[in-house]
Every structure is written in C-alpha cells, then in structure tokens.
Amino acid sequence: MNWLRTILLFALAFPAQAANQEAETERFLAETLLQTPAAETLWLIGDLQPAVRAILEHDYPAARIRYWRAGTRTAWVLDEIGKEMPITVGIAIDKGTVQRVKVLAYRESRGWEVQSPAFTAQYSGARLVAGQRLDRHIDGISGATLSVRALSRLTRLALLFDRHVSTGGKP
C-alpha cells in the first residue's frame, strides 16, 4: 500500500514540475534574448553525432535540439544526468562566447550549489578550444562533482552547437 501512495505522489508531482520547468525556460529566454523568437531545430546527424559523443561520453538522448536565435546570440536548453537525475540548464552563447549559464531544473538530492549565480558565473566568457574543451578551469564544489561535470559538459555542448549553427554545419 505504501508503494501505491508513492506512485500517486510521483504522478501528481510530474505535471507541476514540467509546468515549473516551462516557466523557468520562458523566463530564461526572456531575460537572455529580451523577446523570445520562434524556436529553431538542430538535428544531431552527420559529423555532429561523434562530436556530441566525444563531449558527453554517450549519445544525447534526443535526435533533435530546440534552440532560439536573436541576432548573433543563441540560447540552448539542454539536459544531462548529474549523478542519478537530469539537470536542465539554459545556456546563452554570443559569437562563440558563453554569456550566461542558468540551472533551470535541478532534480538531484545533493549538489544544489551548482544553481548558485556565484558558481555559474565562472562560465561567463568561456570559449571552446582545441579538443572541445573550455578555455578555463571551472572550480568544483565539494560533494557536487558529478553535477559540476554535467554543467561543464552541457556548456561545451552548447558552444559546439552554436559553432555548428553559426558556421552553417561545421562542428
């Protein structure tokens, strides 16, 4: 009987969580791009697939990615597993440089400190260099190593995607 109550609680919580994430995404886009343009789609095909796999060390769980573009700025909302649960992150890129990283939904039981603006500010100004690495060291957080790695991988991925859409398809 206890398991039934647990299932019912999860079933009731997911629609609320999805609505909250959608609101956070809309807020991120409005703050980042001022007015939210129509979403565009990037298909993860061709040369992009191995590049994504090299960054994530696994395939991205979707075949296409939605993104938004306003002038030279792009905004990406991406998911990656921290330790056990997905972390949803909004990343804004302008001319190949990270402008902003914001955690939109954090579902892990530990490591919530990665949501802090003091932590995410480390990514501002970062660029992608040889080997698809960030051009700077990101200081970790004790007890949140896997969440820090997830945010770093997603930031690298957003920079790769921005380069891809900005150069007409070259990863």
N, C-alpha and C. Protein backbone atom coordinates (compact mmCIF):
# COMPACT_ATOMS: atom_id res chain seq x y z
N MET A 1 0.82 -1.20 0.00
CA MET A 1 0.00 0.00 0.00
C MET A 1 0.86 1.26 0.00
N ASN A 2 2.00 1.19 0.67
CA ASN A 2 2.91 2.33 0.71
C ASN A 2 3.44 2.67 -0.69
N TRP A 3 3.73 1.64 -1.48
CA TRP A 3 4.24 1.86 -2.83
C TRP A 3 3.20 2.54 -3.71
N LEU A 4 1.92 2.25 -3.50
CA LEU A 4 0.85 2.87 -4.27
C LEU A 4 0.79 4.37 -3.98
N ARG A 5 0.95 4.73 -2.72
CA ARG A 5 0.97 6.14 -2.34
C ARG A 5 2.15 6.84 -2.98
N THR A 6 3.31 6.19 -3.02
CA THR A 6 4.50 6.77 -3.64
C THR A 6 4.28 6.99 -5.12
N ILE A 7 3.70 6.03 -5.81
CA ILE A 7 3.42 6.16 -7.24
C ILE A 7 2.46 7.32 -7.49
N LEU A 8 1.42 7.41 -6.68
CA LEU A 8 0.46 8.50 -6.83
C LEU A 8 1.11 9.87 -6.60
N LEU A 9 1.98 9.97 -5.62
CA LEU A 9 2.67 11.23 -5.37
C LEU A 9 3.54 11.64 -6.55
N PHE A 10 4.27 10.68 -7.12
CA PHE A 10 5.09 10.97 -8.29
C PHE A 10 4.23 11.39 -9.47
N ALA A 11 3.13 10.70 -9.68
CA ALA A 11 2.23 11.02 -10.80
C ALA A 11 1.67 12.42 -10.68
N LEU A 12 1.38 12.85 -9.46
CA LEU A 12 0.85 14.19 -9.25
C LEU A 12 1.94 15.26 -9.33
N ALA A 13 3.16 14.91 -8.99
CA ALA A 13 4.25 15.89 -8.95
C ALA A 13 4.80 16.21 -10.33
N PHE A 14 4.83 15.25 -11.25
CA PHE A 14 5.47 15.48 -12.55
C PHE A 14 4.81 16.58 -13.38
N PRO A 15 3.47 16.66 -13.47
CA PRO A 15 2.90 17.77 -14.24
C PRO A 15 3.27 19.14 -13.65
N ALA A 16 3.31 19.24 -12.34
CA ALA A 16 3.69 20.51 -11.71
C ALA A 16 5.15 20.82 -12.00
N GLN A 17 6.01 19.82 -11.96
CA GLN A 17 7.43 20.02 -12.24
C GLN A 17 7.63 20.45 -13.69
N ALA A 18 6.90 19.83 -14.61
CA ALA A 18 7.00 20.18 -16.03
C ALA A 18 6.54 21.61 -16.27
N ALA A 19 5.47 22.01 -15.62
CA ALA A 19 4.97 23.38 -15.77
C ALA A 19 5.98 24.38 -15.21
N ASN A 20 6.60 24.05 -14.08
CA ASN A 20 7.60 24.93 -13.48
C ASN A 20 8.81 25.05 -14.40
N GLN A 21 9.26 23.94 -14.98
CA GLN A 21 10.41 23.98 -15.89
C GLN A 21 10.09 24.82 -17.12
N GLU A 22 8.89 24.70 -17.65
CA GLU A 22 8.49 25.50 -18.82
C GLU A 22 8.51 26.98 -18.47
N ALA A 23 8.01 27.33 -17.28
CA ALA A 23 8.03 28.72 -16.84
C ALA A 23 9.47 29.22 -16.68
N GLU A 24 10.35 28.39 -16.12
CA GLU A 24 11.76 28.77 -15.97
C GLU A 24 12.43 28.96 -17.32
N THR A 25 12.10 28.09 -18.27
CA THR A 25 12.66 28.22 -19.62
C THR A 25 12.21 29.52 -20.25
N GLU A 26 10.92 29.83 -20.16
CA GLU A 26 10.41 31.08 -20.73
C GLU A 26 11.06 32.30 -20.07
N ARG A 27 11.25 32.25 -18.77
CA ARG A 27 11.88 33.36 -18.05
C ARG A 27 13.34 33.51 -18.50
N PHE A 28 14.06 32.39 -18.62
CA PHE A 28 15.45 32.42 -19.09
C PHE A 28 15.54 33.04 -20.48
N LEU A 29 14.67 32.60 -21.38
CA LEU A 29 14.70 33.13 -22.75
C LEU A 29 14.37 34.61 -22.79
N ALA A 30 13.38 35.04 -22.01
CA ALA A 30 13.02 36.45 -21.97
C ALA A 30 14.16 37.31 -21.42
N GLU A 31 14.83 36.83 -20.38
CA GLU A 31 15.95 37.57 -19.79
C GLU A 31 17.16 37.59 -20.72
N THR A 32 17.36 36.51 -21.47
CA THR A 32 18.55 36.35 -22.29
C THR A 32 18.42 37.00 -23.66
N LEU A 33 17.26 36.83 -24.29
CA LEU A 33 17.08 37.31 -25.66
C LEU A 33 16.15 38.51 -25.74
N LEU A 34 15.65 38.99 -24.61
CA LEU A 34 14.75 40.12 -24.49
C LEU A 34 13.37 39.82 -25.05
N GLN A 35 13.28 39.37 -26.29
CA GLN A 35 12.00 38.87 -26.79
C GLN A 35 12.24 37.47 -27.32
N THR A 36 11.33 36.58 -27.05
CA THR A 36 11.56 35.18 -27.40
C THR A 36 11.19 34.94 -28.86
N PRO A 37 12.20 34.65 -29.69
CA PRO A 37 11.90 34.32 -31.09
C PRO A 37 11.36 32.90 -31.20
N ALA A 38 10.91 32.54 -32.38
CA ALA A 38 10.43 31.18 -32.60
C ALA A 38 11.60 30.21 -32.45
N ALA A 39 11.32 29.05 -31.91
CA ALA A 39 12.36 28.03 -31.74
C ALA A 39 12.79 27.49 -33.10
N GLU A 40 14.08 27.20 -33.21
CA GLU A 40 14.63 26.54 -34.38
C GLU A 40 15.06 25.14 -33.94
N THR A 41 15.37 24.28 -34.90
CA THR A 41 15.71 22.90 -34.59
C THR A 41 17.07 22.55 -35.18
N LEU A 42 17.89 21.91 -34.36
CA LEU A 42 19.18 21.37 -34.80
C LEU A 42 19.07 19.86 -34.72
N TRP A 43 19.28 19.18 -35.87
CA TRP A 43 19.26 17.72 -35.90
C TRP A 43 20.65 17.20 -35.61
N LEU A 44 20.74 16.22 -34.74
CA LEU A 44 22.03 15.63 -34.37
C LEU A 44 22.37 14.51 -35.34
N ILE A 45 22.84 14.90 -36.51
CA ILE A 45 23.16 13.94 -37.56
C ILE A 45 24.55 14.25 -38.13
N GLY A 46 25.05 13.33 -38.92
CA GLY A 46 26.32 13.53 -39.61
C GLY A 46 27.49 13.67 -38.66
N ASP A 47 28.37 14.64 -38.96
CA ASP A 47 29.59 14.88 -38.18
C ASP A 47 29.30 15.34 -36.75
N LEU A 48 28.07 15.80 -36.53
CA LEU A 48 27.73 16.31 -35.19
C LEU A 48 27.62 15.18 -34.17
N GLN A 49 27.15 14.02 -34.57
CA GLN A 49 26.97 12.91 -33.62
C GLN A 49 28.27 12.50 -32.92
N PRO A 50 29.38 12.25 -33.65
CA PRO A 50 30.60 11.87 -32.94
C PRO A 50 31.14 13.00 -32.06
N ALA A 51 30.93 14.25 -32.47
CA ALA A 51 31.39 15.38 -31.67
C ALA A 51 30.61 15.45 -30.35
N VAL A 52 29.31 15.21 -30.43
CA VAL A 52 28.47 15.19 -29.22
C VAL A 52 28.89 14.05 -28.31
N ARG A 53 29.10 12.88 -28.90
CA ARG A 53 29.51 11.71 -28.12
C ARG A 53 30.85 11.95 -27.44
N ALA A 54 31.77 12.65 -28.11
CA ALA A 54 33.08 12.93 -27.52
C ALA A 54 32.95 13.83 -26.29
N ILE A 55 32.03 14.76 -26.32
CA ILE A 55 31.84 15.66 -25.18
C ILE A 55 31.11 14.96 -24.04
N LEU A 56 30.00 14.31 -24.35
CA LEU A 56 29.17 13.71 -23.30
C LEU A 56 29.64 12.33 -22.84
N GLU A 57 30.42 11.67 -23.67
CA GLU A 57 30.85 10.29 -23.44
C GLU A 57 29.67 9.33 -23.54
N HIS A 58 28.61 9.75 -24.19
CA HIS A 58 27.43 8.95 -24.53
C HIS A 58 26.64 9.74 -25.56
N ASP A 59 25.67 9.10 -26.18
CA ASP A 59 24.82 9.81 -27.14
C ASP A 59 23.86 10.73 -26.40
N TYR A 60 23.50 11.85 -27.04
CA TYR A 60 22.47 12.72 -26.46
C TYR A 60 21.14 11.98 -26.59
N PRO A 61 20.27 12.04 -25.59
CA PRO A 61 19.05 11.22 -25.61
C PRO A 61 17.98 11.67 -26.61
N ALA A 62 18.22 12.74 -27.35
CA ALA A 62 17.24 13.20 -28.34
C ALA A 62 17.91 13.29 -29.71
N ALA A 63 17.10 13.18 -30.75
CA ALA A 63 17.63 13.26 -32.12
C ALA A 63 17.70 14.71 -32.62
N ARG A 64 16.98 15.59 -31.94
CA ARG A 64 17.00 17.00 -32.33
C ARG A 64 16.97 17.88 -31.08
N ILE A 65 17.49 19.07 -31.25
CA ILE A 65 17.59 20.03 -30.15
C ILE A 65 16.88 21.32 -30.57
N ARG A 66 16.05 21.84 -29.70
CA ARG A 66 15.44 23.15 -29.95
C ARG A 66 16.40 24.22 -29.45
N TYR A 67 16.47 25.31 -30.19
CA TYR A 67 17.26 26.45 -29.75
C TYR A 67 16.61 27.72 -30.26
N TRP A 68 17.04 28.85 -29.72
CA TRP A 68 16.48 30.13 -30.08
C TRP A 68 17.61 31.05 -30.49
N ARG A 69 17.37 31.88 -31.52
CA ARG A 69 18.40 32.77 -32.02
C ARG A 69 17.84 34.18 -32.15
N ALA A 70 18.62 35.14 -31.67
CA ALA A 70 18.31 36.56 -31.83
C ALA A 70 19.61 37.26 -32.22
N GLY A 71 19.74 37.62 -33.48
CA GLY A 71 20.99 38.22 -33.96
C GLY A 71 22.11 37.19 -33.91
N THR A 72 23.19 37.53 -33.22
CA THR A 72 24.33 36.59 -33.10
C THR A 72 24.24 35.73 -31.85
N ARG A 73 23.24 35.96 -31.04
CA ARG A 73 23.10 35.22 -29.78
C ARG A 73 22.18 34.01 -29.96
N THR A 74 22.60 32.88 -29.39
CA THR A 74 21.75 31.69 -29.37
C THR A 74 21.52 31.27 -27.93
N ALA A 75 20.39 30.65 -27.70
CA ALA A 75 20.05 30.14 -26.36
C ALA A 75 19.68 28.67 -26.50
N TRP A 76 20.22 27.88 -25.58
CA TRP A 76 20.06 26.43 -25.60
C TRP A 76 19.52 25.97 -24.26
N VAL A 77 18.58 25.05 -24.26
CA VAL A 77 18.08 24.42 -23.03
C VAL A 77 18.37 22.93 -23.18
N LEU A 78 19.33 22.45 -22.38
CA LEU A 78 19.84 21.10 -22.51
C LEU A 78 19.73 20.34 -21.19
N ASP A 79 19.69 19.01 -21.29
CA ASP A 79 19.60 18.14 -20.12
C ASP A 79 20.80 17.20 -20.08
N GLU A 80 21.27 16.94 -18.86
CA GLU A 80 22.31 15.94 -18.65
C GLU A 80 22.11 15.35 -17.26
N ILE A 81 22.41 14.08 -17.13
CA ILE A 81 22.32 13.41 -15.83
C ILE A 81 23.48 13.88 -14.96
N GLY A 82 23.18 14.26 -13.73
CA GLY A 82 24.23 14.56 -12.76
C GLY A 82 24.74 13.25 -12.20
N LYS A 83 24.20 12.85 -11.07
CA LYS A 83 24.53 11.53 -10.53
C LYS A 83 23.46 10.52 -10.95
N GLU A 84 22.20 10.88 -10.69
CA GLU A 84 21.11 9.96 -11.00
C GLU A 84 19.96 10.61 -11.76
N MET A 85 19.82 11.91 -11.64
CA MET A 85 18.67 12.60 -12.21
C MET A 85 19.12 13.66 -13.21
N PRO A 86 18.23 14.02 -14.15
CA PRO A 86 18.60 15.05 -15.12
C PRO A 86 18.67 16.44 -14.50
N ILE A 87 19.59 17.23 -15.02
CA ILE A 87 19.73 18.64 -14.68
C ILE A 87 19.43 19.39 -15.97
N THR A 88 18.51 20.35 -15.92
CA THR A 88 18.16 21.14 -17.09
C THR A 88 18.84 22.50 -16.95
N VAL A 89 19.58 22.87 -18.01
CA VAL A 89 20.40 24.08 -17.96
C VAL A 89 20.11 24.95 -19.18
N GLY A 90 19.97 26.25 -18.96
CA GLY A 90 19.86 27.21 -20.04
C GLY A 90 21.22 27.85 -20.26
N ILE A 91 21.67 27.90 -21.51
CA ILE A 91 22.99 28.44 -21.82
C ILE A 91 22.84 29.41 -22.99
N ALA A 92 23.32 30.63 -22.80
CA ALA A 92 23.29 31.64 -23.86
C ALA A 92 24.70 31.83 -24.40
N ILE A 93 24.82 31.83 -25.72
CA ILE A 93 26.10 31.97 -26.41
C ILE A 93 26.00 33.17 -27.35
N ASP A 94 27.02 33.98 -27.40
CA ASP A 94 27.08 35.08 -28.37
C ASP A 94 28.47 35.10 -29.01
N LYS A 95 28.50 34.92 -30.31
CA LYS A 95 29.75 34.93 -31.09
C LYS A 95 30.78 33.95 -30.52
N GLY A 96 30.34 32.76 -30.16
CA GLY A 96 31.25 31.73 -29.68
C GLY A 96 31.71 31.88 -28.25
N THR A 97 31.06 32.76 -27.50
CA THR A 97 31.43 33.00 -26.10
C THR A 97 30.20 32.82 -25.21
N VAL A 98 30.38 32.14 -24.09
CA VAL A 98 29.29 31.95 -23.15
C VAL A 98 28.92 33.29 -22.53
N GLN A 99 27.65 33.63 -22.61
CA GLN A 99 27.15 34.85 -21.99
C GLN A 99 26.51 34.56 -20.64
N ARG A 100 25.85 33.39 -20.56
CA ARG A 100 25.12 33.09 -19.33
C ARG A 100 24.85 31.60 -19.23
N VAL A 101 24.95 31.08 -18.02
CA VAL A 101 24.56 29.71 -17.71
C VAL A 101 23.61 29.79 -16.52
N LYS A 102 22.46 29.15 -16.65
CA LYS A 102 21.48 29.15 -15.56
C LYS A 102 20.86 27.76 -15.44
N VAL A 103 20.88 27.22 -14.22
CA VAL A 103 20.24 25.94 -13.97
C VAL A 103 18.73 26.20 -13.88
N LEU A 104 17.97 25.55 -14.75
CA LEU A 104 16.53 25.76 -14.81
C LEU A 104 15.76 24.75 -13.97
N ALA A 105 16.30 23.53 -13.88
CA ALA A 105 15.66 22.50 -13.04
C ALA A 105 16.75 21.59 -12.49
N TYR A 106 16.82 21.52 -11.17
CA TYR A 106 17.81 20.67 -10.51
C TYR A 106 17.05 19.61 -9.74
N ARG A 107 17.28 18.35 -10.08
CA ARG A 107 16.49 17.26 -9.51
C ARG A 107 17.28 16.34 -8.58
N GLU A 108 18.56 16.57 -8.45
CA GLU A 108 19.40 15.72 -7.59
C GLU A 108 19.15 16.06 -6.12
N SER A 109 19.48 15.12 -5.25
CA SER A 109 19.31 15.36 -3.82
C SER A 109 20.49 16.11 -3.22
N ARG A 110 21.64 16.09 -3.90
CA ARG A 110 22.84 16.79 -3.42
C ARG A 110 23.44 17.61 -4.55
N GLY A 111 24.26 18.57 -4.17
CA GLY A 111 24.97 19.36 -5.17
C GLY A 111 24.20 20.56 -5.67
N TRP A 112 23.12 20.94 -4.98
CA TRP A 112 22.29 22.05 -5.41
C TRP A 112 23.07 23.36 -5.55
N GLU A 113 24.28 23.42 -4.99
CA GLU A 113 25.08 24.65 -5.05
C GLU A 113 25.43 25.06 -6.48
N VAL A 114 25.35 24.11 -7.43
CA VAL A 114 25.66 24.47 -8.82
C VAL A 114 24.64 25.44 -9.39
N GLN A 115 23.51 25.62 -8.73
CA GLN A 115 22.49 26.58 -9.17
C GLN A 115 22.87 28.01 -8.82
N SER A 116 23.82 28.16 -7.92
CA SER A 116 24.20 29.49 -7.42
C SER A 116 24.79 30.36 -8.53
N PRO A 117 24.36 31.61 -8.63
CA PRO A 117 24.95 32.52 -9.62
C PRO A 117 26.46 32.69 -9.42
N ALA A 118 26.93 32.56 -8.19
CA ALA A 118 28.38 32.66 -7.94
C ALA A 118 29.12 31.50 -8.62
N PHE A 119 28.51 30.33 -8.68
CA PHE A 119 29.13 29.21 -9.37
C PHE A 119 28.99 29.35 -10.88
N THR A 120 27.79 29.59 -11.37
CA THR A 120 27.57 29.63 -12.82
C THR A 120 28.27 30.81 -13.50
N ALA A 121 28.60 31.85 -12.74
CA ALA A 121 29.33 33.00 -13.31
C ALA A 121 30.71 32.60 -13.83
N GLN A 122 31.26 31.51 -13.34
CA GLN A 122 32.56 31.04 -13.82
C GLN A 122 32.56 30.73 -15.31
N TYR A 123 31.41 30.40 -15.85
CA TYR A 123 31.31 30.04 -17.26
C TYR A 123 31.24 31.26 -18.18
N SER A 124 30.86 32.41 -17.64
CA SER A 124 30.73 33.61 -18.47
C SER A 124 32.07 33.95 -19.13
N GLY A 125 32.01 34.15 -20.44
CA GLY A 125 33.21 34.47 -21.20
C GLY A 125 33.97 33.26 -21.70
N ALA A 126 33.54 32.06 -21.32
CA ALA A 126 34.25 30.84 -21.73
C ALA A 126 34.05 30.59 -23.22
N ARG A 127 35.08 30.00 -23.82
CA ARG A 127 35.06 29.64 -25.23
C ARG A 127 35.48 28.18 -25.37
N LEU A 128 35.20 27.62 -26.53
CA LEU A 128 35.61 26.26 -26.84
C LEU A 128 36.97 26.31 -27.53
N VAL A 129 37.92 25.51 -27.04
CA VAL A 129 39.26 25.46 -27.64
C VAL A 129 39.53 24.05 -28.16
N ALA A 130 40.73 23.81 -28.64
CA ALA A 130 41.10 22.51 -29.20
C ALA A 130 40.70 21.37 -28.27
N GLY A 131 40.26 20.30 -28.88
CA GLY A 131 39.84 19.14 -28.09
C GLY A 131 38.46 19.33 -27.50
N GLN A 132 37.73 20.34 -27.96
CA GLN A 132 36.38 20.67 -27.48
C GLN A 132 36.36 20.85 -25.96
N ARG A 133 37.34 21.55 -25.47
CA ARG A 133 37.47 21.85 -24.04
C ARG A 133 37.16 23.33 -23.81
N LEU A 134 36.80 23.66 -22.59
CA LEU A 134 36.64 25.07 -22.23
C LEU A 134 38.01 25.71 -22.09
N ASP A 135 38.10 26.99 -22.35
CA ASP A 135 39.38 27.69 -22.28
C ASP A 135 39.76 28.08 -20.86
N ARG A 136 39.03 27.61 -19.89
CA ARG A 136 39.31 27.96 -18.49
C ARG A 136 38.98 26.80 -17.56
N HIS A 137 39.57 26.86 -16.40
CA HIS A 137 39.29 25.88 -15.36
C HIS A 137 38.05 26.33 -14.60
N ILE A 138 37.16 25.40 -14.33
CA ILE A 138 35.96 25.67 -13.53
C ILE A 138 36.19 25.06 -12.15
N ASP A 139 36.16 25.89 -11.12
CA ASP A 139 36.34 25.40 -9.76
C ASP A 139 35.14 24.54 -9.37
N GLY A 140 35.40 23.38 -8.84
CA GLY A 140 34.35 22.46 -8.43
C GLY A 140 33.75 22.81 -7.09
N ILE A 141 32.79 22.02 -6.70
CA ILE A 141 32.13 22.17 -5.41
C ILE A 141 32.21 20.82 -4.72
N SER A 142 32.73 20.80 -3.51
CA SER A 142 32.84 19.55 -2.77
C SER A 142 31.46 18.92 -2.61
N GLY A 143 31.35 17.65 -2.98
CA GLY A 143 30.08 16.95 -2.87
C GLY A 143 29.18 17.10 -4.09
N ALA A 144 29.62 17.90 -5.07
CA ALA A 144 28.80 18.12 -6.26
C ALA A 144 29.60 17.86 -7.54
N THR A 145 30.59 17.01 -7.45
CA THR A 145 31.49 16.77 -8.58
C THR A 145 30.75 16.36 -9.84
N LEU A 146 29.80 15.44 -9.74
CA LEU A 146 29.09 14.97 -10.92
C LEU A 146 28.18 16.05 -11.50
N SER A 147 27.61 16.88 -10.67
CA SER A 147 26.78 17.98 -11.15
C SER A 147 27.63 19.04 -11.84
N VAL A 148 28.81 19.33 -11.29
CA VAL A 148 29.73 20.28 -11.91
C VAL A 148 30.15 19.76 -13.28
N ARG A 149 30.47 18.49 -13.36
CA ARG A 149 30.86 17.90 -14.65
C ARG A 149 29.71 17.98 -15.65
N ALA A 150 28.49 17.74 -15.20
CA ALA A 150 27.33 17.81 -16.09
C ALA A 150 27.17 19.22 -16.65
N LEU A 151 27.29 20.24 -15.81
CA LEU A 151 27.18 21.62 -16.29
C LEU A 151 28.30 21.96 -17.26
N SER A 152 29.50 21.50 -16.99
CA SER A 152 30.62 21.77 -17.88
C SER A 152 30.42 21.08 -19.23
N ARG A 153 29.94 19.85 -19.22
CA ARG A 153 29.68 19.15 -20.47
C ARG A 153 28.60 19.85 -21.28
N LEU A 154 27.54 20.30 -20.61
CA LEU A 154 26.46 20.98 -21.32
C LEU A 154 26.92 22.32 -21.88
N THR A 155 27.78 23.01 -21.16
CA THR A 155 28.30 24.28 -21.66
C THR A 155 29.15 24.04 -22.90
N ARG A 156 30.00 23.02 -22.87
CA ARG A 156 30.80 22.66 -24.04
C ARG A 156 29.90 22.28 -25.21
N LEU A 157 28.84 21.56 -24.92
CA LEU A 157 27.90 21.13 -25.95
C LEU A 157 27.20 22.34 -26.58
N ALA A 158 26.76 23.28 -25.77
CA ALA A 158 26.10 24.48 -26.30
C ALA A 158 27.07 25.28 -27.17
N LEU A 159 28.33 25.38 -26.76
CA LEU A 159 29.33 26.07 -27.59
C LEU A 159 29.53 25.35 -28.92
N LEU A 160 29.56 24.03 -28.89
CA LEU A 160 29.68 23.25 -30.12
C LEU A 160 28.47 23.47 -31.02
N PHE A 161 27.27 23.42 -30.45
CA PHE A 161 26.06 23.62 -31.23
C PHE A 161 26.01 25.03 -31.82
N ASP A 162 26.39 26.03 -31.02
CA ASP A 162 26.42 27.41 -31.52
C ASP A 162 27.37 27.52 -32.70
N ARG A 163 28.55 26.94 -32.58
CA ARG A 163 29.51 26.97 -33.68
C ARG A 163 28.92 26.29 -34.91
N HIS A 164 28.23 25.19 -34.69
CA HIS A 164 27.65 24.43 -35.79
C HIS A 164 26.60 25.27 -36.54
N VAL A 165 25.68 25.90 -35.83
CA VAL A 165 24.64 26.67 -36.50
C VAL A 165 25.18 28.00 -37.04
N SER A 166 26.23 28.53 -36.44
CA SER A 166 26.81 29.81 -36.89
C SER A 166 27.68 29.65 -38.13
N THR A 167 28.27 28.47 -38.31
CA THR A 167 29.17 28.25 -39.46
C THR A 167 28.49 27.45 -40.55
N GLY A 168 27.21 27.23 -40.43
CA GLY A 168 26.48 26.51 -41.46
C GLY A 168 26.72 25.01 -41.47
N GLY A 169 26.97 24.43 -40.32
CA GLY A 169 27.03 22.98 -40.22
C GLY A 169 28.37 22.35 -40.04
N LYS A 170 29.37 23.11 -39.66
CA LYS A 170 30.69 22.52 -39.40
C LYS A 170 30.93 22.45 -37.90
N PRO A 171 31.09 21.24 -37.33
CA PRO A 171 31.25 21.14 -35.86
C PRO A 171 32.54 21.66 -35.34
